[in-house]
Amino acid sequence: SLSASQAGIRTEQRVLYETACALAEASTLAEAVPRMLKAICEALNWEYGALWRLDRAAAVLRCVATWHAPLLPFDEFAAASFDSTFVGGIGLAGRVWATGKPVWVERPGNAPDFPPEALDGGMQSAFFWPLVIEGGVVAVLEFFSRDIRPYDAEWPSMFESLGAHIEQSLKRRQFEEA
């Protein structure tokens, strides 16, 4: 049987591999994002994931993609995400964008800005990660679970690797297009 650290390494490798495949096989980042969200959620047991991209012209975050576990009633939550925007510092995604630091919410009572739509969907825990490219936050990844999830100290390094991988893929794509 695998030790916890071996299992964690295998999970990280799976997430990085699936992300690499999604990025390599898609013609645009927008096309790759739903597959990336699915891979991350399935590997790490999150039931809902979304990517909020920075709209520099409007100075807001906009939801560009979501994924949720099949057969779970999150369509309303996803619709609310697509209808919402965040400004810097407001809401969990806005806070992560403004600070450039991840946020882990083990229980909704620990975060006064926990989305009401998430509560309505029975979500208990959340994880928000800033996607940093060339020193600036360009997007925020969010994940939710109906289970109370304690903080996992291995995730920051995994998500840093994931972010570096996405950044390298985008730079390579820009180079190829030039």
Protein backbone atom coordinates (compact mmCIF):
# COMPACT_ATOMS: atom_id res chain seq x y z
CA SER A 1 0.00 0.00 0.00
CA LEU A 2 1.07 3.59 -0.60
CA SER A 3 2.19 5.91 2.17
CA ALA A 4 0.36 9.21 2.48
CA SER A 5 3.28 11.07 0.91
CA GLN A 6 3.49 8.60 -2.00
CA ALA A 7 -0.25 8.96 -2.57
CA GLY A 8 0.13 12.75 -2.48
CA ILE A 9 2.93 12.61 -5.07
CA ARG A 10 0.83 10.37 -7.33
CA THR A 11 -2.13 12.74 -7.01
CA GLU A 12 0.06 15.73 -7.86
CA GLN A 13 1.53 13.89 -10.86
CA ARG A 14 -1.99 13.01 -12.04
CA VAL A 15 -3.16 16.64 -11.76
CA LEU A 16 -0.07 17.95 -13.59
CA TYR A 17 -0.33 15.26 -16.29
CA GLU A 18 -4.05 15.89 -16.92
CA THR A 19 -3.44 19.64 -17.01
CA ALA A 20 -0.56 19.20 -19.46
CA CYS A 21 -2.74 17.05 -21.72
CA ALA A 22 -5.61 19.55 -21.58
CA LEU A 23 -3.28 22.43 -22.46
CA ALA A 24 -1.49 20.52 -25.23
CA GLU A 25 -4.64 19.22 -26.90
CA ALA A 26 -6.69 22.42 -26.74
CA SER A 27 -6.27 25.20 -29.28
CA THR A 28 -6.99 27.89 -26.65
CA LEU A 29 -6.70 28.21 -22.89
CA ALA A 30 -10.47 28.70 -22.71
CA GLU A 31 -10.91 25.31 -24.35
CA ALA A 32 -8.51 23.65 -21.88
CA VAL A 33 -9.97 25.12 -18.67
CA PRO A 34 -13.07 22.86 -18.23
CA ARG A 35 -10.91 19.74 -18.62
CA MET A 36 -8.35 21.14 -16.18
CA LEU A 37 -11.07 21.89 -13.62
CA LYS A 38 -12.49 18.38 -14.00
CA ALA A 39 -9.04 16.81 -13.53
CA ILE A 40 -8.25 18.88 -10.44
CA CYS A 41 -11.68 18.32 -8.86
CA GLU A 42 -11.65 14.57 -9.49
CA ALA A 43 -8.07 14.06 -8.29
CA LEU A 44 -8.53 16.16 -5.15
CA ASN A 45 -12.16 15.25 -4.40
CA TRP A 46 -13.71 18.69 -4.85
CA GLU A 47 -17.30 18.65 -6.11
CA TYR A 48 -17.29 22.04 -7.82
CA GLY A 49 -14.59 24.10 -9.49
CA ALA A 50 -14.48 27.37 -11.39
CA LEU A 51 -11.97 29.69 -12.99
CA TRP A 52 -12.38 33.45 -12.64
CA ARG A 53 -10.33 35.36 -15.22
CA LEU A 54 -9.19 38.94 -14.79
CA ASP A 55 -10.91 41.31 -17.21
CA ARG A 56 -8.30 44.08 -17.16
CA ALA A 57 -10.44 46.57 -19.11
CA ALA A 58 -13.33 46.35 -16.62
CA ALA A 59 -11.07 45.69 -13.59
CA VAL A 60 -13.17 42.71 -12.46
CA LEU A 61 -12.95 38.93 -12.24
CA ARG A 62 -15.38 37.05 -14.50
CA CYS A 63 -16.24 33.36 -14.31
CA VAL A 64 -15.18 31.74 -17.59
CA ALA A 65 -15.59 28.06 -16.79
CA THR A 66 -17.07 25.72 -14.17
CA TRP A 67 -17.15 22.00 -13.58
CA HIS A 68 -19.17 20.01 -11.08
CA ALA A 69 -19.57 16.37 -10.21
CA PRO A 70 -22.26 14.73 -12.34
CA LEU A 71 -25.67 14.26 -10.74
CA LEU A 72 -25.10 17.00 -8.17
CA PRO A 73 -27.47 19.99 -8.21
CA PHE A 74 -24.96 22.78 -8.87
CA ASP A 75 -26.41 24.21 -12.10
CA GLU A 76 -27.93 27.16 -10.21
CA PHE A 77 -24.62 27.85 -8.46
CA ALA A 78 -22.78 27.74 -11.82
CA ALA A 79 -25.35 30.07 -13.39
CA ALA A 80 -24.92 32.52 -10.50
CA SER A 81 -21.14 32.38 -11.00
CA PHE A 82 -21.43 33.28 -14.69
CA ASP A 83 -23.73 36.19 -13.79
CA SER A 84 -21.34 37.57 -11.13
CA THR A 85 -18.16 39.63 -11.14
CA PHE A 86 -15.72 40.46 -8.37
CA VAL A 87 -13.72 43.61 -7.81
CA GLY A 88 -10.42 43.50 -5.97
CA GLY A 89 -10.80 42.73 -2.28
CA ILE A 90 -14.55 41.92 -2.39
CA GLY A 91 -15.71 38.31 -1.95
CA LEU A 92 -13.35 35.37 -1.58
CA ALA A 93 -12.23 35.44 -5.22
CA GLY A 94 -11.77 39.23 -5.08
CA ARG A 95 -9.73 38.90 -1.89
CA VAL A 96 -7.44 36.30 -3.50
CA TRP A 97 -7.02 38.53 -6.57
CA ALA A 98 -6.18 41.58 -4.42
CA THR A 99 -3.74 39.82 -2.09
CA GLY A 100 -2.28 37.22 -4.45
CA LYS A 101 -2.59 34.73 -1.57
CA PRO A 102 -4.67 31.54 -1.46
CA VAL A 103 -7.64 31.19 0.89
CA TRP A 104 -8.78 27.95 2.50
CA VAL A 105 -12.18 27.88 4.20
CA GLU A 106 -12.73 24.81 6.36
CA ARG A 107 -16.24 25.87 7.44
CA PRO A 108 -18.50 28.61 6.01
CA GLY A 109 -18.75 30.29 9.43
CA ASN A 110 -15.02 31.02 9.19
CA ALA A 111 -15.55 33.32 6.16
CA PRO A 112 -18.20 36.04 6.27
CA ASP A 113 -17.81 36.40 2.48
CA PHE A 114 -18.60 32.71 1.77
CA PRO A 115 -20.90 32.83 -1.29
CA PRO A 116 -24.58 32.46 -0.33
CA GLU A 117 -25.16 30.36 -3.48
CA ALA A 118 -22.51 27.94 -2.22
CA LEU A 119 -24.27 27.69 1.13
CA ASP A 120 -27.57 27.07 -0.68
CA GLY A 121 -25.82 24.24 -2.55
CA GLY A 122 -24.71 22.66 0.73
CA MET A 123 -21.04 23.59 0.37
CA GLN A 124 -19.01 23.39 3.56
CA SER A 125 -15.41 24.00 2.47
CA ALA A 126 -13.66 26.03 -0.18
CA PHE A 127 -10.20 26.60 -1.59
CA PHE A 128 -9.25 29.64 -3.71
CA TRP A 129 -5.93 29.80 -5.54
CA PRO A 130 -4.44 32.78 -7.45
CA LEU A 131 -3.07 31.94 -10.89
CA VAL A 132 -0.01 34.18 -11.15
CA ILE A 133 1.68 34.80 -14.48
CA GLU A 134 4.69 37.08 -14.82
CA GLY A 135 4.23 38.33 -11.28
CA GLY A 136 0.55 39.28 -11.51
CA VAL A 137 -2.70 37.50 -10.71
CA VAL A 138 -4.48 36.74 -14.00
CA ALA A 139 -7.13 34.38 -12.67
CA VAL A 140 -8.47 32.74 -9.53
CA LEU A 141 -9.28 29.04 -9.27
CA GLU A 142 -12.04 28.14 -6.80
CA PHE A 143 -13.07 24.75 -5.47
CA PHE A 144 -15.93 23.74 -3.18
CA SER A 145 -16.92 20.61 -1.26
CA ARG A 146 -20.00 19.55 0.66
CA ASP A 147 -17.65 17.98 3.22
CA ILE A 148 -15.78 19.88 5.91
CA ARG A 149 -12.20 19.69 4.66
CA PRO A 150 -9.24 20.49 6.93
CA TYR A 151 -6.36 22.45 5.44
CA ASP A 152 -3.91 20.30 3.45
CA ALA A 153 -0.35 21.62 3.79
CA GLU A 154 0.81 19.80 0.63
CA TRP A 155 -1.51 21.71 -1.69
CA PRO A 156 0.34 25.05 -1.92
CA SER A 157 3.40 23.41 -3.50
CA MET A 158 1.19 21.38 -5.85
CA PHE A 159 -0.72 24.47 -6.97
CA GLU A 160 2.53 26.43 -7.37
CA SER A 161 3.73 23.65 -9.70
CA LEU A 162 0.41 23.73 -11.52
CA GLY A 163 0.58 27.52 -11.93
CA ALA A 164 4.17 27.33 -13.21
CA HIS A 165 3.11 24.65 -15.68
CA ILE A 166 0.21 26.75 -16.98
CA GLU A 167 2.48 29.81 -17.25
CA GLN A 168 5.09 27.86 -19.24
CA SER A 169 2.39 26.51 -21.56
CA LEU A 170 1.00 30.01 -22.20
CA LYS A 171 4.48 31.43 -22.86
CA ARG A 172 5.25 28.57 -25.26
CA ARG A 173 1.95 29.17 -27.07
CA GLN A 174 2.70 32.92 -27.35
CA PHE A 175 6.18 32.13 -28.70
CA GLU A 176 4.76 29.71 -31.28
CA GLU A 177 2.16 32.27 -32.39
CA ALA A 178 4.85 34.96 -32.76
